[in-house]
Protein backbone atom coordinates (compact mmCIF):
# COMPACT_ATOMS: atom_id res chain seq x y z
CA MET A 1 0.04 -0.32 0.02
CA ARG A 2 1.86 3.43 -1.00
CA ARG A 3 1.63 6.00 1.45
CA ARG A 4 -0.25 9.23 1.15
CA ILE A 5 1.60 12.06 1.75
CA ALA A 6 -0.08 15.06 3.32
CA SER A 7 -0.09 18.13 1.30
CA ALA A 8 1.43 21.11 2.42
CA ASP A 9 0.72 24.71 1.69
CA PRO A 10 2.06 25.22 -1.58
CA ASP A 11 3.19 28.37 -0.78
CA ASP A 12 5.36 28.21 2.21
CA ALA A 13 9.18 28.31 1.44
CA GLU A 14 9.96 27.82 4.96
CA ALA A 15 8.43 25.13 4.93
CA ALA A 16 9.68 23.51 1.56
CA ARG A 17 13.25 24.71 2.83
CA GLU A 18 12.92 22.63 6.04
CA ARG A 19 11.44 19.95 3.78
CA CYS A 20 14.58 19.54 1.83
CA LEU A 21 17.36 19.75 4.59
CA ARG A 22 15.55 17.18 6.71
CA LEU A 23 16.16 14.95 3.74
CA LEU A 24 19.31 16.09 2.96
CA ALA A 25 20.58 15.25 6.35
CA THR A 26 20.10 11.87 5.93
CA ARG A 27 22.07 11.54 2.55
CA ALA A 28 22.75 13.80 -0.39
CA ARG A 29 20.57 14.19 -2.90
CA SER A 30 20.41 15.46 -6.93
CA GLN A 31 18.35 18.47 -7.34
CA ALA A 32 15.33 16.25 -9.48
CA GLU A 33 15.17 14.08 -6.09
CA LEU A 34 14.31 17.32 -4.34
CA ARG A 35 12.21 18.53 -7.44
CA GLN A 36 10.02 15.28 -6.88
CA ARG A 37 9.87 15.28 -2.99
CA LEU A 38 8.39 18.84 -3.18
CA GLU A 39 6.08 18.50 -5.91
CA ALA A 40 4.98 15.64 -3.98
CA ARG A 41 3.53 17.37 -1.18
CA GLY A 42 1.85 20.14 -3.54
CA TYR A 43 4.42 22.92 -3.44
CA ALA A 44 4.04 25.59 -5.87
CA GLU A 45 6.83 25.75 -8.69
CA THR A 46 7.87 29.14 -7.97
CA VAL A 47 8.75 28.13 -4.04
CA ILE A 48 10.38 24.91 -5.50
CA LYS A 49 12.89 26.80 -7.92
CA SER A 50 13.57 29.13 -5.00
CA VAL A 51 14.04 26.56 -2.37
CA ILE A 52 16.52 23.97 -4.57
CA GLY A 53 18.16 27.62 -6.35
CA ASP A 54 18.96 28.76 -2.36
CA LEU A 55 19.97 25.34 -2.21
CA ALA A 56 22.74 25.13 -4.81
CA ARG A 57 23.94 28.48 -4.28
CA ALA A 58 24.99 27.31 -0.60
CA GLY A 59 26.45 23.96 -2.02
CA LEU A 60 23.94 21.96 0.22
CA VAL A 61 22.46 19.90 -3.31
CA ASP A 62 25.46 19.89 -6.19
CA ASP A 63 24.80 17.43 -9.25
CA GLU A 64 27.76 17.31 -9.98
CA GLU A 65 29.37 16.35 -6.66
CA PHE A 66 26.47 13.87 -6.33
CA ALA A 67 27.28 11.84 -9.28
CA ARG A 68 31.07 11.89 -8.48
CA SER A 69 30.15 10.45 -5.02
CA TRP A 70 27.39 8.09 -6.24
CA VAL A 71 29.98 6.37 -8.30
CA SER A 72 32.45 6.52 -5.91
CA GLY A 73 30.61 4.76 -3.19
CA ARG A 74 28.96 2.19 -5.61
CA LEU A 75 32.10 1.61 -6.71
CA SER A 76 33.58 0.56 -3.29
CA ALA A 77 30.83 -1.01 -2.23
CA GLY A 78 32.06 -3.41 -5.07
CA GLY A 79 30.43 -5.19 -7.66
CA SER A 80 28.34 -2.88 -10.18
CA GLY A 81 29.18 -2.16 -13.54
CA ARG A 82 28.70 0.76 -15.78
CA GLN A 83 24.70 0.06 -16.48
CA LYS A 84 23.55 -0.05 -13.52
CA LEU A 85 25.57 2.38 -12.14
CA ARG A 86 23.92 4.62 -14.97
CA TRP A 87 20.29 3.50 -14.91
CA GLU A 88 20.83 4.41 -10.93
CA LEU A 89 22.09 8.00 -11.45
CA ARG A 90 19.43 8.32 -14.50
CA ARG A 91 16.80 7.38 -11.46
CA LYS A 92 18.28 10.05 -9.41
CA GLY A 93 17.16 12.64 -12.08
CA LEU A 94 20.72 13.46 -13.22
CA ALA A 95 21.85 14.53 -16.86
CA GLU A 96 23.00 12.35 -19.50
CA GLU A 97 25.78 14.02 -20.45
CA LEU A 98 26.83 14.22 -15.97
CA ILE A 99 26.49 10.02 -15.64
CA ARG A 100 27.95 9.42 -19.03
CA ARG A 101 31.21 11.84 -17.66
CA HIS A 102 31.55 10.20 -14.22
CA VAL A 103 30.28 6.78 -14.96
CA ASP A 104 33.37 6.50 -17.57
CA GLU A 105 35.46 8.35 -15.57
CA ALA A 106 35.38 6.16 -12.92
CA ILE A 107 35.35 2.47 -15.23
CA ASP A 108 36.95 1.55 -17.64
CA ASP A 109 36.92 -1.55 -19.96
CA GLY A 110 39.69 -2.78 -18.08
CA ALA A 111 38.26 -2.22 -14.61
CA GLU A 112 35.03 -3.35 -15.41
CA LEU A 113 36.44 -6.68 -16.26
CA ASP A 114 38.57 -6.50 -13.39
CA SER A 115 35.26 -6.09 -11.21
CA ALA A 116 33.48 -8.00 -12.97
CA LEU A 117 36.44 -11.06 -12.48
CA GLN A 118 36.24 -10.23 -8.39
CA PHE A 119 32.69 -10.68 -8.25
CA ALA A 120 32.24 -13.90 -10.00
CA ARG A 121 35.56 -15.41 -8.46
CA ARG A 122 33.57 -14.67 -5.18
CA ARG A 123 30.26 -16.28 -6.07
CA VAL A 124 31.41 -19.22 -8.15
CA ARG A 125 30.53 -22.58 -6.35
CA ARG A 126 33.09 -25.40 -6.86
CA GLY A 127 31.61 -28.48 -7.79
CA ALA A 128 28.44 -27.25 -8.77
CA ASP A 129 27.61 -28.53 -12.71
CA ALA A 130 29.56 -26.30 -14.94
CA ALA A 131 26.93 -25.46 -17.24
CA LYS A 132 24.46 -24.30 -14.76
CA GLU A 133 26.79 -22.55 -12.41
CA LEU A 134 28.40 -20.09 -15.32
CA ALA A 135 24.20 -19.78 -16.31
CA ARG A 136 24.00 -18.65 -12.51
CA ILE A 137 26.95 -15.75 -12.81
CA ARG A 138 26.09 -15.23 -15.85
CA ARG A 139 22.34 -13.83 -14.76
CA LEU A 140 24.31 -12.47 -11.45
CA LEU A 141 26.44 -10.65 -13.59
CA LEU A 142 23.96 -8.70 -15.89
CA GLY A 143 21.91 -8.12 -13.46
CA ARG A 144 24.29 -5.94 -11.66
CA GLY A 145 24.51 -4.11 -14.72
CA TYR A 146 27.77 -5.61 -16.42
CA GLY A 147 27.59 -5.26 -20.41
CA PHE A 148 27.43 -8.74 -22.08
CA GLU A 149 30.97 -7.88 -23.69
CA THR A 150 32.16 -7.91 -20.23
CA VAL A 151 30.36 -10.65 -19.05
CA GLU A 152 31.42 -13.55 -21.85
CA SER A 153 34.80 -12.06 -21.08
CA VAL A 154 34.10 -13.04 -17.72
CA LEU A 155 32.74 -16.47 -18.15
CA ARG A 156 35.92 -17.71 -20.31
CA ARG A 157 38.27 -16.48 -18.08
CA LEU A 158 36.39 -18.21 -14.89
CA PRO A 159 36.66 -21.89 -15.50
CA ILE A 160 40.05 -21.93 -16.23
CA GLU A 161 41.00 -20.33 -12.86
CA GLU A 162 38.72 -22.06 -11.01
CA GLU A 163 40.90 -24.40 -8.34
CA PRO A 164 39.91 -28.58 -8.91
């Protein structure tokens, strides 16, 4: 069941600002995320623009820094490919150019292959039926946002590197 959001006074800029600050206290957010939250509460467009603009000028909302930080955090957690990172940033409302720049700067083909190979090595089950295990690893890697070429390259290398 979807939670019902109480409407706010559409012209109350101070309440909108407080709402944004509460949201930002839990984690960094993109301008689009804040906009969506304020729109859902029923704030007027002029209030939304004003509040988000003020927060951006104060350095509290910065899509460039948000993208860099998001990618860095996801990479340090391990096991995410470029496609997944791009998808996540699109969902956060970031511009395509910004997404492409930060994801491509952080991950090149070699780094993505290394990350996928490490992930697959951690997940492979020794002694399992090889064909079923490779299919399972393929699904895991694709689900983590690794590209098809990267996945196929990992699968070609994985059986050779398995311990007996």
